[in-house]
Amino acid sequence: MPLWLRKFTFQQISDIKKQEAEAMKGKMKGKGTNIDLANPDKSKIPKQAFNPPTNKSLKSTPNYVSKASKK
């Protein structure tokens, strides 16, 4: 691959990645929580970060056959 083509390709990929990063930054603006770990505000901390599975989902029947087939 010629050097000029390699530089051009790298520049095009770099520009596209920068545009994607800016679009994601604009999309994510205002979402999420910003918590100062040195001086946290208790009202900004989520109540429960992880929802554990319920007992109903743990007792569900398996969706596979556990016995060997008879021939």
N, C-alpha and C. Protein backbone atom coordinates (compact mmCIF):
# COMPACT_ATOMS: atom_id res chain seq x y z
N MET A 1 0.86 -1.17 0.00
CA MET A 1 0.00 0.00 0.00
C MET A 1 0.91 1.24 0.00
N PRO A 2 0.68 2.14 -0.91
CA PRO A 2 1.51 3.34 -0.96
C PRO A 2 1.36 4.17 0.32
N LEU A 3 2.40 4.88 0.64
CA LEU A 3 2.41 5.68 1.86
C LEU A 3 1.30 6.73 1.85
N TRP A 4 1.09 7.40 0.73
CA TRP A 4 0.06 8.43 0.67
C TRP A 4 -1.33 7.84 0.90
N LEU A 5 -1.57 6.63 0.39
CA LEU A 5 -2.87 5.98 0.57
C LEU A 5 -3.05 5.54 2.02
N ARG A 6 -1.99 5.06 2.63
CA ARG A 6 -2.05 4.66 4.03
C ARG A 6 -2.36 5.86 4.93
N LYS A 7 -1.70 6.99 4.68
CA LYS A 7 -1.97 8.20 5.47
C LYS A 7 -3.39 8.70 5.25
N PHE A 8 -3.85 8.67 3.99
CA PHE A 8 -5.21 9.12 3.68
C PHE A 8 -6.23 8.24 4.38
N THR A 9 -6.04 6.92 4.32
CA THR A 9 -6.97 5.99 4.95
C THR A 9 -6.99 6.19 6.45
N PHE A 10 -5.83 6.33 7.06
CA PHE A 10 -5.76 6.56 8.50
C PHE A 10 -6.46 7.85 8.88
N GLN A 11 -6.27 8.91 8.08
CA GLN A 11 -6.91 10.19 8.37
C GLN A 11 -8.43 10.08 8.27
N GLN A 12 -8.93 9.36 7.27
CA GLN A 12 -10.38 9.18 7.10
C GLN A 12 -10.96 8.40 8.29
N ILE A 13 -10.29 7.34 8.71
CA ILE A 13 -10.76 6.56 9.86
C ILE A 13 -10.74 7.41 11.12
N SER A 14 -9.69 8.19 11.29
CA SER A 14 -9.56 9.05 12.47
C SER A 14 -10.69 10.09 12.50
N ASP A 15 -10.99 10.68 11.37
CA ASP A 15 -12.07 11.68 11.31
C ASP A 15 -13.43 11.05 11.65
N ILE A 16 -13.69 9.87 11.13
CA ILE A 16 -14.96 9.19 11.40
C ILE A 16 -15.08 8.86 12.88
N LYS A 17 -14.00 8.38 13.49
CA LYS A 17 -14.03 8.03 14.91
C LYS A 17 -14.25 9.27 15.78
N LYS A 18 -13.65 10.40 15.39
CA LYS A 18 -13.85 11.64 16.14
C LYS A 18 -15.31 12.10 16.04
N GLN A 19 -15.90 11.98 14.85
CA GLN A 19 -17.30 12.36 14.69
C GLN A 19 -18.22 11.46 15.51
N GLU A 20 -17.92 10.17 15.55
CA GLU A 20 -18.72 9.25 16.36
C GLU A 20 -18.60 9.59 17.84
N ALA A 21 -17.38 9.92 18.29
CA ALA A 21 -17.17 10.26 19.69
C ALA A 21 -17.93 11.53 20.06
N GLU A 22 -17.92 12.53 19.19
CA GLU A 22 -18.65 13.76 19.45
C GLU A 22 -20.15 13.51 19.47
N ALA A 23 -20.65 12.65 18.59
CA ALA A 23 -22.07 12.33 18.56
C ALA A 23 -22.48 11.62 19.84
N MET A 24 -21.66 10.71 20.32
CA MET A 24 -21.97 10.00 21.56
C MET A 24 -21.91 10.95 22.75
N LYS A 25 -20.95 11.86 22.74
CA LYS A 25 -20.84 12.82 23.84
C LYS A 25 -22.07 13.71 23.87
N GLY A 26 -22.56 14.13 22.72
CA GLY A 26 -23.76 14.95 22.64
C GLY A 26 -25.00 14.19 23.06
N LYS A 27 -25.04 12.90 22.72
CA LYS A 27 -26.19 12.07 23.06
C LYS A 27 -26.22 11.79 24.56
N MET A 28 -25.07 11.62 25.19
CA MET A 28 -25.00 11.26 26.59
C MET A 28 -25.03 12.48 27.52
N LYS A 29 -25.05 13.65 26.96
CA LYS A 29 -25.02 14.87 27.77
C LYS A 29 -26.26 14.94 28.66
N GLY A 30 -26.05 15.13 29.95
CA GLY A 30 -27.15 15.27 30.88
C GLY A 30 -27.66 13.96 31.44
N LYS A 31 -27.15 12.84 30.96
CA LYS A 31 -27.60 11.54 31.47
C LYS A 31 -26.56 11.01 32.44
N GLY A 32 -27.00 10.13 33.30
CA GLY A 32 -26.09 9.52 34.25
C GLY A 32 -26.01 10.36 35.51
N THR A 33 -25.21 9.88 36.44
CA THR A 33 -25.03 10.60 37.69
C THR A 33 -23.58 11.02 37.82
N ASN A 34 -23.38 12.20 38.28
CA ASN A 34 -22.04 12.70 38.57
C ASN A 34 -21.91 12.80 40.08
N ILE A 35 -21.15 11.88 40.65
CA ILE A 35 -21.01 11.83 42.10
C ILE A 35 -19.59 12.23 42.46
N ASP A 36 -19.46 13.20 43.32
CA ASP A 36 -18.16 13.60 43.85
C ASP A 36 -17.82 12.63 44.97
N LEU A 37 -16.84 11.76 44.73
CA LEU A 37 -16.52 10.73 45.70
C LEU A 37 -15.92 11.29 46.98
N ALA A 38 -15.30 12.44 46.91
CA ALA A 38 -14.71 13.04 48.11
C ALA A 38 -15.79 13.63 49.01
N ASN A 39 -16.88 14.13 48.41
CA ASN A 39 -17.94 14.77 49.16
C ASN A 39 -19.29 14.38 48.54
N PRO A 40 -19.72 13.13 48.69
CA PRO A 40 -20.92 12.68 47.98
C PRO A 40 -22.21 13.30 48.53
N ASP A 41 -23.11 13.57 47.62
CA ASP A 41 -24.44 14.05 47.97
C ASP A 41 -25.36 12.83 47.96
N LYS A 42 -25.96 12.50 49.08
CA LYS A 42 -26.73 11.27 49.21
C LYS A 42 -27.94 11.24 48.28
N SER A 43 -28.44 12.39 47.86
CA SER A 43 -29.63 12.41 47.01
C SER A 43 -29.31 11.97 45.58
N LYS A 44 -28.04 12.07 45.15
CA LYS A 44 -27.67 11.69 43.79
C LYS A 44 -27.30 10.22 43.66
N ILE A 45 -27.10 9.53 44.76
CA ILE A 45 -26.71 8.13 44.72
C ILE A 45 -27.95 7.28 44.42
N PRO A 46 -27.86 6.40 43.44
CA PRO A 46 -29.02 5.55 43.12
C PRO A 46 -29.39 4.66 44.30
N LYS A 47 -30.68 4.39 44.42
CA LYS A 47 -31.16 3.58 45.55
C LYS A 47 -30.63 2.16 45.46
N GLN A 48 -30.74 1.54 44.29
CA GLN A 48 -30.27 0.18 44.12
C GLN A 48 -29.64 0.06 42.73
N ALA A 49 -28.35 -0.20 42.71
CA ALA A 49 -27.65 -0.24 41.44
C ALA A 49 -27.84 -1.58 40.74
N PHE A 50 -28.09 -2.64 41.50
CA PHE A 50 -28.21 -3.97 40.92
C PHE A 50 -29.51 -4.60 41.35
N ASN A 51 -30.27 -5.10 40.41
CA ASN A 51 -31.51 -5.80 40.71
C ASN A 51 -31.23 -7.30 40.71
N PRO A 52 -31.20 -7.93 41.89
CA PRO A 52 -30.94 -9.37 41.93
C PRO A 52 -32.07 -10.16 41.30
N PRO A 53 -31.79 -11.35 40.78
CA PRO A 53 -32.86 -12.13 40.17
C PRO A 53 -33.87 -12.58 41.21
N THR A 54 -35.09 -12.71 40.78
CA THR A 54 -36.15 -13.13 41.70
C THR A 54 -36.13 -14.65 41.85
N ASN A 55 -36.80 -15.14 42.88
CA ASN A 55 -36.86 -16.58 43.11
C ASN A 55 -37.62 -17.29 42.00
N LYS A 56 -38.56 -16.61 41.38
CA LYS A 56 -39.35 -17.20 40.32
C LYS A 56 -38.47 -17.61 39.14
N SER A 57 -37.51 -16.76 38.79
CA SER A 57 -36.65 -17.08 37.66
C SER A 57 -35.64 -18.17 38.01
N LEU A 58 -35.30 -18.33 39.29
CA LEU A 58 -34.36 -19.36 39.69
C LEU A 58 -34.99 -20.75 39.68
N LYS A 59 -36.30 -20.83 39.86
CA LYS A 59 -36.97 -22.12 39.93
C LYS A 59 -37.59 -22.54 38.60
N SER A 60 -37.25 -21.88 37.54
CA SER A 60 -37.84 -22.23 36.25
C SER A 60 -37.26 -23.56 35.76
N THR A 61 -38.05 -24.25 34.96
CA THR A 61 -37.61 -25.54 34.45
C THR A 61 -36.59 -25.34 33.34
N PRO A 62 -35.66 -26.29 33.20
CA PRO A 62 -34.66 -26.14 32.15
C PRO A 62 -35.29 -26.32 30.77
N ASN A 63 -34.71 -25.71 29.78
CA ASN A 63 -35.26 -25.79 28.43
C ASN A 63 -34.44 -26.75 27.56
N TYR A 64 -33.92 -27.81 28.17
CA TYR A 64 -33.17 -28.81 27.43
C TYR A 64 -33.57 -30.20 27.94
N VAL A 65 -33.25 -31.22 27.18
CA VAL A 65 -33.58 -32.59 27.55
C VAL A 65 -32.38 -33.17 28.31
N SER A 66 -32.63 -33.67 29.52
CA SER A 66 -31.55 -34.19 30.34
C SER A 66 -31.41 -35.70 30.25
N LYS A 67 -32.35 -36.38 29.61
CA LYS A 67 -32.28 -37.84 29.47
C LYS A 67 -31.79 -38.19 28.07
N ALA A 68 -31.08 -39.31 27.98
CA ALA A 68 -30.62 -39.79 26.68
C ALA A 68 -31.79 -40.38 25.90
N SER A 69 -31.75 -40.25 24.62
CA SER A 69 -32.83 -40.78 23.81
C SER A 69 -32.73 -42.31 23.72
N LYS A 70 -33.89 -42.95 23.59
CA LYS A 70 -33.93 -44.41 23.49
C LYS A 70 -33.99 -44.80 22.02
N LYS A 71 -33.18 -45.80 21.66
CA LYS A 71 -33.18 -46.25 20.27
C LYS A 71 -33.75 -47.62 20.15
